[in-house]
Amino acid sequence: GGGGGGGGGGKRRAPTSEELIRDGKSLDFNQATELVFAEAQGGPNQRRELGWDWHAWHFFTALLPGAFVFVMCQWVDSSRETQRLVEAAKAKGKLDEQTRRSGGVAGNATATTATTATKPNVVTRQKNRREAYKEAAEKKAAAAAAVAAGDAGGAGGAGAG
């Protein structure tokens, strides 16, 4: 026979849908439906075994949104602390500048009350806490002195009689 060298002539087998996909070529609608609804491979109801790589990849991708939120929260928390320090430094710088402009302590008191009335900041709150602590400590010291004076007077009176 002389016709064997042509490889079967024009009766070449058409590639299957799966072969086209593996070759990176696109499918037309009929080929896509054939692939989806093919009964030769068990059809759409056939259950494939999923390997560990599939599970690992999907587990990793499921963790990404939560990890992103966690990292953002950590960043915001650390930058909030930084922001507080910057605001405190700016507030202190503004008060010092206002004191220099006004020319003294009276101007500083006015600037402080104006700042407190419009926007209470970290420095003002800390000053208020310090003042309240000093007042409480002075009251406690005065009460302790009064008790000590009462004990000393009572002990001296009892000893005299």
C-alpha atoms as a PDB file:
ATOM      1  CA  GLY A   1       0.000   0.000   0.000  1.00  0.00           C
ATOM      2  CA  GLY A   2       1.049   3.401  -0.877  1.00  0.00           C
ATOM      3  CA  GLY A   3      -1.343   5.499   1.233  1.00  0.00           C
ATOM      4  CA  GLY A   4       0.001   4.755   4.747  1.00  0.00           C
ATOM      5  CA  GLY A   5       2.410   7.696   4.903  1.00  0.00           C
ATOM      6  CA  GLY A   6      -0.277  10.368   5.163  1.00  0.00           C
ATOM      7  CA  GLY A   7      -1.319   9.426   8.704  1.00  0.00           C
ATOM      8  CA  GLY A   8      -4.912   8.587   7.899  1.00  0.00           C
ATOM      9  CA  GLY A   9      -5.628  11.326   5.387  1.00  0.00           C
ATOM     10  CA  GLY A  10      -8.434  13.746   6.350  1.00  0.00           C
ATOM     11  CA  LYS A  11      -9.893  11.564   9.092  1.00  0.00           C
ATOM     12  CA  ARG A  12      -7.986  13.197  11.922  1.00  0.00           C
ATOM     13  CA  ARG A  13      -9.713  12.958  15.311  1.00  0.00           C
ATOM     14  CA  ALA A  14     -11.011  16.279  16.710  1.00  0.00           C
ATOM     15  CA  PRO A  15      -9.513  17.173  20.102  1.00  0.00           C
ATOM     16  CA  THR A  16     -11.792  16.787  23.086  1.00  0.00           C
ATOM     17  CA  SER A  17     -12.877  19.693  25.237  1.00  0.00           C
ATOM     18  CA  GLU A  18     -10.518  18.651  27.995  1.00  0.00           C
ATOM     19  CA  GLU A  19      -7.573  18.506  25.582  1.00  0.00           C
ATOM     20  CA  LEU A  20      -8.398  21.997  24.300  1.00  0.00           C
ATOM     21  CA  ILE A  21      -8.451  23.358  27.848  1.00  0.00           C
ATOM     22  CA  ARG A  22      -5.144  21.684  28.681  1.00  0.00           C
ATOM     23  CA  ASP A  23      -3.630  23.236  25.540  1.00  0.00           C
ATOM     24  CA  GLY A  24      -4.815  26.678  26.695  1.00  0.00           C
ATOM     25  CA  LYS A  25      -7.335  27.140  23.891  1.00  0.00           C
ATOM     26  CA  SER A  26     -10.841  28.505  24.308  1.00  0.00           C
ATOM     27  CA  LEU A  27     -14.004  26.453  23.838  1.00  0.00           C
ATOM     28  CA  ASP A  28     -17.136  27.325  21.965  1.00  0.00           C
ATOM     29  CA  PHE A  29     -20.544  26.962  23.625  1.00  0.00           C
ATOM     30  CA  ASN A  30     -21.223  23.433  22.333  1.00  0.00           C
ATOM     31  CA  GLN A  31     -17.850  22.151  23.524  1.00  0.00           C
ATOM     32  CA  ALA A  32     -18.345  23.743  26.950  1.00  0.00           C
ATOM     33  CA  THR A  33     -21.772  22.167  27.399  1.00  0.00           C
ATOM     34  CA  GLU A  34     -20.365  18.829  26.278  1.00  0.00           C
ATOM     35  CA  LEU A  35     -17.672  19.083  28.926  1.00  0.00           C
ATOM     36  CA  VAL A  36     -20.107  20.032  31.693  1.00  0.00           C
ATOM     37  CA  PHE A  37     -22.833  17.532  30.907  1.00  0.00           C
ATOM     38  CA  ALA A  38     -20.731  14.652  29.576  1.00  0.00           C
ATOM     39  CA  GLU A  39     -21.890  11.254  30.763  1.00  0.00           C
ATOM     40  CA  ALA A  40     -18.724   9.478  29.643  1.00  0.00           C
ATOM     41  CA  GLN A  41     -16.858  10.619  32.767  1.00  0.00           C
ATOM     42  CA  GLY A  42     -19.750  10.051  35.137  1.00  0.00           C
ATOM     43  CA  GLY A  43     -21.444  13.406  34.585  1.00  0.00           C
ATOM     44  CA  PRO A  44     -21.848  16.261  37.036  1.00  0.00           C
ATOM     45  CA  ASN A  45     -22.884  13.935  39.871  1.00  0.00           C
ATOM     46  CA  GLN A  46     -19.555  12.123  39.931  1.00  0.00           C
ATOM     47  CA  ARG A  47     -17.604  13.149  43.007  1.00  0.00           C
ATOM     48  CA  ARG A  48     -13.894  13.845  42.598  1.00  0.00           C
ATOM     49  CA  GLU A  49     -11.355  13.227  45.320  1.00  0.00           C
ATOM     50  CA  LEU A  50      -9.825  16.495  46.426  1.00  0.00           C
ATOM     51  CA  GLY A  51      -6.167  16.378  47.391  1.00  0.00           C
ATOM     52  CA  TRP A  52      -4.364  17.946  50.331  1.00  0.00           C
ATOM     53  CA  ASP A  53      -3.107  20.791  48.132  1.00  0.00           C
ATOM     54  CA  TRP A  54      -6.689  21.834  47.349  1.00  0.00           C
ATOM     55  CA  HIS A  55      -7.570  21.793  51.050  1.00  0.00           C
ATOM     56  CA  ALA A  56      -4.392  23.642  52.060  1.00  0.00           C
ATOM     57  CA  TRP A  57      -4.919  26.346  49.463  1.00  0.00           C
ATOM     58  CA  HIS A  58      -8.558  26.915  50.431  1.00  0.00           C
ATOM     59  CA  PHE A  59      -7.695  26.899  54.138  1.00  0.00           C
ATOM     60  CA  PHE A  60      -5.004  29.529  53.507  1.00  0.00           C
ATOM     61  CA  THR A  61      -7.304  31.719  51.427  1.00  0.00           C
ATOM     62  CA  ALA A  62     -10.036  31.419  54.073  1.00  0.00           C
ATOM     63  CA  LEU A  63      -7.600  32.784  56.677  1.00  0.00           C
ATOM     64  CA  LEU A  64      -6.577  35.814  54.619  1.00  0.00           C
ATOM     65  CA  PRO A  65      -9.513  38.157  55.455  1.00  0.00           C
ATOM     66  CA  GLY A  66      -9.154  37.518  59.175  1.00  0.00           C
ATOM     67  CA  ALA A  67      -5.392  37.970  59.019  1.00  0.00           C
ATOM     68  CA  PHE A  68      -5.845  41.235  57.130  1.00  0.00           C
ATOM     69  CA  VAL A  69      -8.262  42.544  59.761  1.00  0.00           C
ATOM     70  CA  PHE A  70      -5.896  41.490  62.561  1.00  0.00           C
ATOM     71  CA  VAL A  71      -2.940  43.272  60.972  1.00  0.00           C
ATOM     72  CA  MET A  72      -5.003  46.417  60.380  1.00  0.00           C
ATOM     73  CA  CYS A  73      -6.181  46.428  64.019  1.00  0.00           C
ATOM     74  CA  GLN A  74      -2.624  46.078  65.253  1.00  0.00           C
ATOM     75  CA  TRP A  75      -1.516  48.890  62.989  1.00  0.00           C
ATOM     76  CA  VAL A  76      -4.342  51.193  64.088  1.00  0.00           C
ATOM     77  CA  ASP A  77      -3.695  50.410  67.745  1.00  0.00           C
ATOM     78  CA  SER A  78      -0.002  51.184  67.473  1.00  0.00           C
ATOM     79  CA  SER A  79      -0.581  54.296  65.377  1.00  0.00           C
ATOM     80  CA  ARG A  80      -3.247  55.553  67.815  1.00  0.00           C
ATOM     81  CA  GLU A  81      -0.663  55.535  70.581  1.00  0.00           C
ATOM     82  CA  THR A  82       1.745  57.337  68.305  1.00  0.00           C
ATOM     83  CA  GLN A  83      -0.972  59.808  67.399  1.00  0.00           C
ATOM     84  CA  ARG A  84      -1.634  60.542  71.098  1.00  0.00           C
ATOM     85  CA  LEU A  85       2.026  61.274  71.677  1.00  0.00           C
ATOM     86  CA  VAL A  86       2.161  63.549  68.641  1.00  0.00           C
ATOM     87  CA  GLU A  87      -0.978  65.418  69.749  1.00  0.00           C
ATOM     88  CA  ALA A  88       0.429  65.872  73.248  1.00  0.00           C
ATOM     89  CA  ALA A  89       3.672  67.233  71.830  1.00  0.00           C
ATOM     90  CA  LYS A  90       1.779  69.571  69.495  1.00  0.00           C
ATOM     91  CA  ALA A  91      -0.467  70.775  72.315  1.00  0.00           C
ATOM     92  CA  LYS A  92       2.541  71.473  74.502  1.00  0.00           C
ATOM     93  CA  GLY A  93       4.228  73.295  71.636  1.00  0.00           C
ATOM     94  CA  LYS A  94       1.102  75.389  70.993  1.00  0.00           C
ATOM     95  CA  LEU A  95       0.775  76.319  74.664  1.00  0.00           C
ATOM     96  CA  ASP A  96       4.434  77.308  74.832  1.00  0.00           C
ATOM     97  CA  GLU A  97       4.032  79.377  71.670  1.00  0.00           C
ATOM     98  CA  GLN A  98       0.908  81.095  73.033  1.00  0.00           C
ATOM     99  CA  THR A  99       2.736  81.850  76.282  1.00  0.00           C
ATOM    100  CA  ARG A 100       5.592  83.465  74.358  1.00  0.00           C
ATOM    101  CA  ARG A 101       3.188  85.512  72.239  1.00  0.00           C
ATOM    102  CA  SER A 102       1.041  86.713  75.113  1.00  0.00           C
ATOM    103  CA  GLY A 103       4.049  87.521  77.267  1.00  0.00           C
ATOM    104  CA  GLY A 104       3.400  85.638  80.453  1.00  0.00           C
ATOM    105  CA  VAL A 105       1.451  83.394  82.735  1.00  0.00           C
ATOM    106  CA  ALA A 106      -1.838  85.277  82.455  1.00  0.00           C
ATOM    107  CA  GLY A 107      -1.856  84.795  78.717  1.00  0.00           C
ATOM    108  CA  ASN A 108      -1.105  81.106  79.234  1.00  0.00           C
ATOM    109  CA  ALA A 109      -4.068  80.682  81.581  1.00  0.00           C
ATOM    110  CA  THR A 110      -6.369  82.305  79.035  1.00  0.00           C
ATOM    111  CA  ALA A 111      -5.017  80.113  76.255  1.00  0.00           C
ATOM    112  CA  THR A 112      -5.429  76.999  78.394  1.00  0.00           C
ATOM    113  CA  THR A 113      -9.056  77.770  79.245  1.00  0.00           C
ATOM    114  CA  ALA A 114      -9.823  78.562  75.606  1.00  0.00           C
ATOM    115  CA  THR A 115      -8.259  75.277  74.510  1.00  0.00           C
ATOM    116  CA  THR A 116     -10.160  73.368  77.194  1.00  0.00           C
ATOM    117  CA  ALA A 117     -13.475  74.965  76.252  1.00  0.00           C
ATOM    118  CA  THR A 118     -13.144  74.149  72.568  1.00  0.00           C
ATOM    119  CA  LYS A 119     -11.377  70.787  72.538  1.00  0.00           C
ATOM    120  CA  PRO A 120     -10.204  68.917  75.642  1.00  0.00           C
ATOM    121  CA  ASN A 121      -6.960  67.225  74.793  1.00  0.00           C
ATOM    122  CA  VAL A 122      -4.673  64.749  76.475  1.00  0.00           C
ATOM    123  CA  VAL A 123      -2.465  67.346  78.157  1.00  0.00           C
ATOM    124  CA  THR A 124      -5.434  69.153  79.704  1.00  0.00           C
ATOM    125  CA  ARG A 125      -6.881  65.922  81.042  1.00  0.00           C
ATOM    126  CA  GLN A 126      -3.539  64.978  82.544  1.00  0.00           C
ATOM    127  CA  LYS A 127      -3.256  68.388  84.220  1.00  0.00           C
ATOM    128  CA  ASN A 128      -6.768  68.049  85.634  1.00  0.00           C
ATOM    129  CA  ARG A 129      -5.932  64.607  87.014  1.00  0.00           C
ATOM    130  CA  ARG A 130      -2.738  65.907  88.600  1.00  0.00           C
ATOM    131  CA  GLU A 131      -4.581  68.790  90.249  1.00  0.00           C
ATOM    132  CA  ALA A 132      -7.289  66.470  91.587  1.00  0.00           C
ATOM    133  CA  TYR A 133      -4.614  64.137  92.941  1.00  0.00           C
ATOM    134  CA  LYS A 134      -2.807  67.023  94.662  1.00  0.00           C
ATOM    135  CA  GLU A 135      -6.055  68.229  96.258  1.00  0.00           C
ATOM    136  CA  ALA A 136      -6.863  64.736  97.500  1.00  0.00           C
ATOM    137  CA  ALA A 137      -3.345  64.327  98.885  1.00  0.00           C
ATOM    138  CA  GLU A 138      -3.564  67.700 100.684  1.00  0.00           C
ATOM    139  CA  LYS A 139      -6.943  66.770 102.227  1.00  0.00           C
ATOM    140  CA  LYS A 140      -5.570  63.432 103.358  1.00  0.00           C
ATOM    141  CA  ALA A 141      -2.487  65.096 104.853  1.00  0.00           C
ATOM    142  CA  ALA A 142      -4.674  67.679 106.657  1.00  0.00           C
ATOM    143  CA  ALA A 143      -6.937  64.935 108.035  1.00  0.00           C
ATOM    144  CA  ALA A 144      -3.911  62.938 109.190  1.00  0.00           C
ATOM    145  CA  ALA A 145      -2.464  66.055 110.870  1.00  0.00           C
ATOM    146  CA  ALA A 146      -5.790  66.718 112.617  1.00  0.00           C
ATOM    147  CA  VAL A 147      -5.946  63.131 113.880  1.00  0.00           C
ATOM    148  CA  ALA A 148      -2.331  63.320 115.053  1.00  0.00           C
ATOM    149  CA  ALA A 149      -2.994  66.626 116.818  1.00  0.00           C
ATOM    150  CA  GLY A 150      -6.133  65.185 118.466  1.00  0.00           C
ATOM    151  CA  ASP A 151      -4.234  62.108 119.663  1.00  0.00           C
ATOM    152  CA  ALA A 152      -1.394  64.168 121.009  1.00  0.00           C
ATOM    153  CA  GLY A 153      -3.789  66.493 122.856  1.00  0.00           C
ATOM    154  CA  GLY A 154      -5.827  63.587 124.224  1.00  0.00           C
ATOM    155  CA  ALA A 155      -2.771  61.667 125.357  1.00  0.00           C
ATOM    156  CA  GLY A 156      -1.324  64.757 127.063  1.00  0.00           C
ATOM    157  CA  GLY A 157      -4.611  65.497 128.827  1.00  0.00           C
ATOM    158  CA  ALA A 158      -5.009  61.921 130.046  1.00  0.00           C
ATOM    159  CA  GLY A 159      -1.451  61.829 131.289  1.00  0.00           C
ATOM    160  CA  ALA A 160      -1.868  65.098 133.229  1.00  0.00           C
ATOM    161  CA  GLY A 161      -4.877  63.922 135.242  1.00  0.00           C
END
